[in-house]
Amino acid sequence: MLEEVVCVAAVTVLGVLEQAYFSLQVIYARRKYSVSPPATAGPPEFERVFRAQANCSEYFPIFIVVLWVSGAFFSQAVSSGLGLLYLYGRYRYFKGYSASAQGRLAPLYFSAKVLWMLVGLSGLGVFNVVAKLYLGLDLLQLMTDIFT
């Protein structure tokens, strides 16, 4: 059973570590720019780091849910690969935004596309299981048969 989710679990742990790294960067920026909690305003350099971390944290629950749903109902391998791409995109987003507001855009669009792919695979996987259970149709198998 565990081998069916080990890759998704590994990507999840990596994502949690990435979130911890982003949080540490905010702590370092607070010290560097003398912005004491609970303040969230300061020099633009601090505010970019703060907003990058906050934005990544806002999307993290959505990422985790669709990663696990697509991994369980569609494909662990495909979902884990997309999960790694998403985490890479978010890392590039964080670094880009920390450097300049403009630097966030390309990685933001990239990670959003990957997230939408995970959403789509989640929906497709769940729909396929519902079709198998209640209609007796394995849509993914039918698609595989058509294209092979």
C-alpha atoms as a PDB file:
ATOM      1  CA  MET A   1       0.000   0.000   0.000  1.00  0.00           C
ATOM      2  CA  LEU A   2       2.677   2.521   0.955  1.00  0.00           C
ATOM      3  CA  GLU A   3       4.554   1.999  -2.319  1.00  0.00           C
ATOM      4  CA  GLU A   4       1.453   3.378  -4.054  1.00  0.00           C
ATOM      5  CA  VAL A   5       1.945   6.788  -2.438  1.00  0.00           C
ATOM      6  CA  VAL A   6       5.641   6.977  -1.534  1.00  0.00           C
ATOM      7  CA  CYS A   7       6.554   9.329  -4.395  1.00  0.00           C
ATOM      8  CA  VAL A   8       3.649  11.664  -3.635  1.00  0.00           C
ATOM      9  CA  ALA A   9       4.640  11.590   0.038  1.00  0.00           C
ATOM     10  CA  ALA A  10       8.247  12.442  -0.862  1.00  0.00           C
ATOM     11  CA  VAL A  11       7.100  15.434  -2.929  1.00  0.00           C
ATOM     12  CA  THR A  12       4.893  16.512  -0.020  1.00  0.00           C
ATOM     13  CA  VAL A  13       7.843  16.441   2.406  1.00  0.00           C
ATOM     14  CA  LEU A  14       9.936  18.377  -0.096  1.00  0.00           C
ATOM     15  CA  GLY A  15       7.134  20.941  -0.373  1.00  0.00           C
ATOM     16  CA  VAL A  16       6.984  21.334   3.398  1.00  0.00           C
ATOM     17  CA  LEU A  17      10.745  21.875   3.482  1.00  0.00           C
ATOM     18  CA  GLU A  18      10.416  24.480   0.745  1.00  0.00           C
ATOM     19  CA  GLN A  19       7.744  26.305   2.766  1.00  0.00           C
ATOM     20  CA  ALA A  20      10.045  26.237   5.808  1.00  0.00           C
ATOM     21  CA  TYR A  21      12.853  27.700   3.693  1.00  0.00           C
ATOM     22  CA  PHE A  22      10.578  30.523   2.510  1.00  0.00           C
ATOM     23  CA  SER A  23       9.574  31.268   6.111  1.00  0.00           C
ATOM     24  CA  LEU A  24      13.208  31.401   7.176  1.00  0.00           C
ATOM     25  CA  GLN A  25      13.889  33.881   4.394  1.00  0.00           C
ATOM     26  CA  VAL A  26      11.247  36.195   5.867  1.00  0.00           C
ATOM     27  CA  ILE A  27      12.929  35.940   9.281  1.00  0.00           C
ATOM     28  CA  TYR A  28      16.300  36.805   7.742  1.00  0.00           C
ATOM     29  CA  ALA A  29      14.739  39.705   5.820  1.00  0.00           C
ATOM     30  CA  ARG A  30      13.139  41.028   9.017  1.00  0.00           C
ATOM     31  CA  ARG A  31      16.541  41.096  10.666  1.00  0.00           C
ATOM     32  CA  LYS A  32      18.306  42.565   7.641  1.00  0.00           C
ATOM     33  CA  TYR A  33      15.778  45.373   7.131  1.00  0.00           C
ATOM     34  CA  SER A  34      14.872  45.888  10.829  1.00  0.00           C
ATOM     35  CA  VAL A  35      11.184  45.039  10.461  1.00  0.00           C
ATOM     36  CA  SER A  36       9.930  43.713  13.798  1.00  0.00           C
ATOM     37  CA  PRO A  37       6.857  41.460  14.012  1.00  0.00           C
ATOM     38  CA  PRO A  38       3.955  41.952  13.661  1.00  0.00           C
ATOM     39  CA  ALA A  39       4.798  44.680  11.128  1.00  0.00           C
ATOM     40  CA  THR A  40       4.517  43.649   7.493  1.00  0.00           C
ATOM     41  CA  ALA A  41       5.518  46.959   5.967  1.00  0.00           C
ATOM     42  CA  GLY A  42       9.068  48.063   5.448  1.00  0.00           C
ATOM     43  CA  PRO A  43      11.506  48.648   2.629  1.00  0.00           C
ATOM     44  CA  PRO A  44      10.415  47.271  -0.772  1.00  0.00           C
ATOM     45  CA  GLU A  45      13.107  44.589  -0.513  1.00  0.00           C
ATOM     46  CA  PHE A  46      11.508  43.238   2.662  1.00  0.00           C
ATOM     47  CA  GLU A  47       7.965  43.531   1.356  1.00  0.00           C
ATOM     48  CA  ARG A  48       8.806  41.512  -1.765  1.00  0.00           C
ATOM     49  CA  VAL A  49      10.242  38.667   0.322  1.00  0.00           C
ATOM     50  CA  PHE A  50       7.258  38.814   2.666  1.00  0.00           C
ATOM     51  CA  ARG A  51       4.711  38.797  -0.184  1.00  0.00           C
ATOM     52  CA  ALA A  52       6.513  35.993  -2.018  1.00  0.00           C
ATOM     53  CA  GLN A  53       6.382  33.812   1.094  1.00  0.00           C
ATOM     54  CA  ALA A  54       2.755  34.714   1.813  1.00  0.00           C
ATOM     55  CA  ASN A  55       1.698  33.965  -1.757  1.00  0.00           C
ATOM     56  CA  CYS A  56       3.471  30.603  -1.758  1.00  0.00           C
ATOM     57  CA  SER A  57       1.800  29.734   1.551  1.00  0.00           C
ATOM     58  CA  GLU A  58      -1.620  30.697   0.196  1.00  0.00           C
ATOM     59  CA  TYR A  59      -1.327  28.263  -2.710  1.00  0.00           C
ATOM     60  CA  PHE A  60       0.295  25.423  -0.760  1.00  0.00           C
ATOM     61  CA  PRO A  61      -2.939  23.809   0.535  1.00  0.00           C
ATOM     62  CA  ILE A  62      -4.390  23.767  -2.995  1.00  0.00           C
ATOM     63  CA  PHE A  63      -1.184  22.189  -4.304  1.00  0.00           C
ATOM     64  CA  ILE A  64      -1.139  19.491  -1.610  1.00  0.00           C
ATOM     65  CA  VAL A  65      -4.781  18.524  -2.181  1.00  0.00           C
ATOM     66  CA  VAL A  66      -4.526  18.205  -5.965  1.00  0.00           C
ATOM     67  CA  LEU A  67      -1.139  16.475  -5.702  1.00  0.00           C
ATOM     68  CA  TRP A  68      -2.628  13.754  -3.485  1.00  0.00           C
ATOM     69  CA  VAL A  69      -5.918  13.426  -5.360  1.00  0.00           C
ATOM     70  CA  SER A  70      -4.204  13.168  -8.737  1.00  0.00           C
ATOM     71  CA  GLY A  71      -1.616  10.790  -7.273  1.00  0.00           C
ATOM     72  CA  ALA A  72      -4.270   8.519  -5.778  1.00  0.00           C
ATOM     73  CA  PHE A  73      -6.804   8.574  -8.616  1.00  0.00           C
ATOM     74  CA  PHE A  74      -4.731   9.212 -11.743  1.00  0.00           C
ATOM     75  CA  SER A  75      -1.015   8.386 -11.543  1.00  0.00           C
ATOM     76  CA  GLN A  76       1.515   8.622  -8.747  1.00  0.00           C
ATOM     77  CA  ALA A  77       4.405   8.990 -11.205  1.00  0.00           C
ATOM     78  CA  VAL A  78       2.834  11.728 -13.325  1.00  0.00           C
ATOM     79  CA  SER A  79       1.530  13.589 -10.280  1.00  0.00           C
ATOM     80  CA  SER A  80       4.888  13.424  -8.508  1.00  0.00           C
ATOM     81  CA  GLY A  81       6.688  14.681 -11.601  1.00  0.00           C
ATOM     82  CA  LEU A  82       4.271  17.580 -11.924  1.00  0.00           C
ATOM     83  CA  GLY A  83       4.604  18.200  -8.184  1.00  0.00           C
ATOM     84  CA  LEU A  84       8.368  18.556  -8.555  1.00  0.00           C
ATOM     85  CA  LEU A  85       7.871  20.956 -11.452  1.00  0.00           C
ATOM     86  CA  TYR A  86       5.444  22.988  -9.353  1.00  0.00           C
ATOM     87  CA  LEU A  87       7.897  23.191  -6.443  1.00  0.00           C
ATOM     88  CA  TYR A  88      10.665  24.245  -8.830  1.00  0.00           C
ATOM     89  CA  GLY A  89       8.383  26.923 -10.295  1.00  0.00           C
ATOM     90  CA  ARG A  90       7.526  28.187  -6.826  1.00  0.00           C
ATOM     91  CA  TYR A  91      11.199  28.326  -5.869  1.00  0.00           C
ATOM     92  CA  ARG A  92      11.935  30.362  -9.031  1.00  0.00           C
ATOM     93  CA  TYR A  93       8.905  32.545  -8.214  1.00  0.00           C
ATOM     94  CA  PHE A  94      10.182  33.203  -4.693  1.00  0.00           C
ATOM     95  CA  LYS A  95      13.683  34.055  -5.889  1.00  0.00           C
ATOM     96  CA  GLY A  96      12.385  36.174  -8.763  1.00  0.00           C
ATOM     97  CA  TYR A  97       9.940  38.121  -6.619  1.00  0.00           C
ATOM     98  CA  SER A  98      12.571  38.663  -3.918  1.00  0.00           C
ATOM     99  CA  ALA A  99      14.783  40.308  -6.545  1.00  0.00           C
ATOM    100  CA  SER A 100      12.087  42.380  -8.303  1.00  0.00           C
ATOM    101  CA  ALA A 101       8.324  42.472  -8.692  1.00  0.00           C
ATOM    102  CA  GLN A 102       8.715  41.790 -12.418  1.00  0.00           C
ATOM    103  CA  GLY A 103      10.865  38.733 -11.689  1.00  0.00           C
ATOM    104  CA  ARG A 104       7.889  36.850 -10.312  1.00  0.00           C
ATOM    105  CA  LEU A 105       5.797  36.764 -13.487  1.00  0.00           C
ATOM    106  CA  ALA A 106       7.304  34.004 -15.650  1.00  0.00           C
ATOM    107  CA  PRO A 107       7.652  31.533 -12.743  1.00  0.00           C
ATOM    108  CA  LEU A 108       4.146  32.461 -11.549  1.00  0.00           C
ATOM    109  CA  TYR A 109       2.639  31.602 -14.933  1.00  0.00           C
ATOM    110  CA  PHE A 110       4.676  28.393 -15.106  1.00  0.00           C
ATOM    111  CA  SER A 111       3.627  27.168 -11.663  1.00  0.00           C
ATOM    112  CA  ALA A 112      -0.011  28.136 -12.336  1.00  0.00           C
ATOM    113  CA  LYS A 113      -0.027  26.005 -15.504  1.00  0.00           C
ATOM    114  CA  VAL A 114       1.418  23.048 -13.608  1.00  0.00           C
ATOM    115  CA  LEU A 115      -1.148  23.515 -10.829  1.00  0.00           C
ATOM    116  CA  TRP A 116      -3.971  23.536 -13.392  1.00  0.00           C
ATOM    117  CA  MET A 117      -2.597  20.321 -14.880  1.00  0.00           C
ATOM    118  CA  LEU A 118      -2.765  18.718 -11.434  1.00  0.00           C
ATOM    119  CA  VAL A 119      -6.330  19.999 -11.020  1.00  0.00           C
ATOM    120  CA  GLY A 120      -7.252  18.516 -14.398  1.00  0.00           C
ATOM    121  CA  LEU A 121      -5.654  15.152 -13.644  1.00  0.00           C
ATOM    122  CA  SER A 122      -7.397  15.091 -10.268  1.00  0.00           C
ATOM    123  CA  GLY A 123     -10.760  15.654 -11.912  1.00  0.00           C
ATOM    124  CA  LEU A 124     -10.042  13.128 -14.653  1.00  0.00           C
ATOM    125  CA  GLY A 125      -8.894  10.508 -12.162  1.00  0.00           C
ATOM    126  CA  VAL A 126     -11.914  10.946  -9.888  1.00  0.00           C
ATOM    127  CA  PHE A 127     -14.287  10.978 -12.869  1.00  0.00           C
ATOM    128  CA  ASN A 128     -12.719   7.757 -14.171  1.00  0.00           C
ATOM    129  CA  VAL A 129     -13.188   5.977 -10.822  1.00  0.00           C
ATOM    130  CA  VAL A 130     -16.808   7.153 -10.616  1.00  0.00           C
ATOM    131  CA  ALA A 131     -17.382   5.912 -14.194  1.00  0.00           C
ATOM    132  CA  LYS A 132     -15.827   2.541 -13.324  1.00  0.00           C
ATOM    133  CA  LEU A 133     -17.827   2.116 -10.133  1.00  0.00           C
ATOM    134  CA  TYR A 134     -21.222   3.282 -11.356  1.00  0.00           C
ATOM    135  CA  LEU A 135     -21.151   2.880 -15.143  1.00  0.00           C
ATOM    136  CA  GLY A 136     -18.748  -0.003 -15.599  1.00  0.00           C
ATOM    137  CA  LEU A 137     -16.547   2.113 -17.895  1.00  0.00           C
ATOM    138  CA  ASP A 138     -12.789   2.495 -17.543  1.00  0.00           C
ATOM    139  CA  LEU A 139     -12.309   5.680 -19.529  1.00  0.00           C
ATOM    140  CA  LEU A 140      -8.545   5.791 -19.040  1.00  0.00           C
ATOM    141  CA  GLN A 141      -8.223   2.237 -20.346  1.00  0.00           C
ATOM    142  CA  LEU A 142     -10.419   3.121 -23.328  1.00  0.00           C
ATOM    143  CA  MET A 143      -8.194   6.121 -24.109  1.00  0.00           C
ATOM    144  CA  THR A 144      -5.089   3.949 -23.777  1.00  0.00           C
ATOM    145  CA  ASP A 145      -6.575   1.378 -26.155  1.00  0.00           C
ATOM    146  CA  ILE A 146      -7.437   4.065 -28.699  1.00  0.00           C
ATOM    147  CA  PHE A 147      -3.961   5.605 -28.738  1.00  0.00           C
ATOM    148  CA  THR A 148      -1.956   2.347 -28.744  1.00  0.00           C
END
